[in-house]
């Protein structure tokens, strides 16, 4: 929030918050350089079929002890 207020970053698109729903008095609601979405940022055409395919692949990979797809890099934080 500090970087947004100071202009260190031009803006942010936010989809998930540590406390939900985000309180009505939270500063993000009034910031012109913030776009907020209700957990829909990942929605793409054919979302559910793609998600199901990813889950099936990861289930098989996990059961075989193989690397998962789209695994988070814990050192990078994403």
Protein backbone atom coordinates (compact mmCIF):
# COMPACT_ATOMS: atom_id res chain seq x y z
CA UNK A 1 0.00 0.00 0.00
CA UNK A 2 2.88 2.33 0.78
CA UNK A 3 4.32 1.90 -2.73
CA UNK A 4 0.91 2.65 -4.27
CA UNK A 5 0.40 5.75 -2.14
CA UNK A 6 3.90 7.10 -2.86
CA UNK A 7 3.75 6.28 -6.57
CA UNK A 8 6.71 3.89 -6.38
CA UNK A 9 4.54 1.58 -8.46
CA UNK A 10 1.97 2.86 -10.94
CA UNK A 11 -0.85 0.61 -9.83
CA UNK A 12 -2.01 -2.81 -8.81
CA UNK A 13 -4.73 -5.28 -9.72
CA UNK A 14 -5.67 -7.26 -6.60
CA UNK A 15 -7.83 -10.37 -6.37
CA UNK A 16 -7.21 -11.89 -2.93
CA UNK A 17 -6.79 -10.25 0.46
CA UNK A 18 -5.64 -11.54 3.86
CA UNK A 19 -8.99 -10.50 5.36
CA UNK A 20 -12.11 -11.05 3.27
CA UNK A 21 -14.35 -9.48 2.55
CA UNK A 22 -12.17 -6.41 2.47
CA UNK A 23 -13.56 -3.95 5.03
CA UNK A 24 -15.64 -1.12 3.52
CA UNK A 25 -13.30 1.48 5.06
CA UNK A 26 -10.09 -0.02 3.59
CA UNK A 27 -8.04 2.56 1.63
CA UNK A 28 -7.87 0.35 -1.49
CA UNK A 29 -11.54 1.17 -2.22
CA UNK A 30 -10.70 4.84 -2.78
CA UNK A 31 -7.37 4.47 -4.59
CA UNK A 32 -7.58 5.37 -8.29
CA UNK A 33 -4.51 3.25 -9.09
CA UNK A 34 -5.99 0.02 -7.67
CA UNK A 35 -8.25 -2.41 -9.51
CA UNK A 36 -9.91 -5.08 -7.37
CA UNK A 37 -11.61 -8.21 -8.65
CA UNK A 38 -13.76 -10.70 -6.69
CA UNK A 39 -11.60 -13.83 -7.12
CA UNK A 40 -12.05 -13.73 -10.88
CA UNK A 41 -8.59 -12.72 -12.07
CA UNK A 42 -7.80 -16.26 -13.15
CA UNK A 43 -10.98 -16.71 -15.17
CA UNK A 44 -10.17 -17.38 -18.82
CA UNK A 45 -12.19 -18.97 -21.60
CA UNK A 46 -12.76 -22.67 -20.87
CA UNK A 47 -11.46 -22.13 -17.30
CA UNK A 48 -13.08 -25.17 -15.68
CA UNK A 49 -11.89 -27.62 -18.35
CA UNK A 50 -8.34 -26.25 -18.09
CA UNK A 51 -8.43 -26.40 -14.30
CA UNK A 52 -9.74 -29.95 -14.33
CA UNK A 53 -7.00 -31.04 -16.76
CA UNK A 54 -4.35 -29.39 -14.57
CA UNK A 55 -5.69 -31.10 -11.44
CA UNK A 56 -5.79 -34.48 -13.17
CA UNK A 57 -2.21 -34.09 -14.40
CA UNK A 58 -0.99 -32.98 -10.98
CA UNK A 59 -2.81 -35.82 -9.25
CA UNK A 60 -1.08 -38.36 -11.49
CA UNK A 61 2.30 -36.62 -11.14
CA UNK A 62 1.93 -36.42 -7.35
CA UNK A 63 1.00 -40.10 -7.08
CA UNK A 64 4.12 -40.98 -9.11
CA UNK A 65 6.37 -38.67 -7.09
CA UNK A 66 6.94 -36.46 -10.15
CA UNK A 67 7.17 -32.67 -10.44
CA UNK A 68 3.85 -30.83 -10.36
CA UNK A 69 2.76 -28.32 -13.00
CA UNK A 70 2.46 -24.65 -11.94
CA UNK A 71 4.26 -25.34 -8.68
CA UNK A 72 5.01 -22.29 -6.55
CA UNK A 73 8.66 -21.30 -6.11
CA UNK A 74 8.79 -20.80 -2.34
CA UNK A 75 12.11 -18.92 -2.54
CA UNK A 76 10.65 -16.40 -5.01
CA UNK A 77 7.30 -16.28 -3.23
CA UNK A 78 5.18 -17.03 -6.28
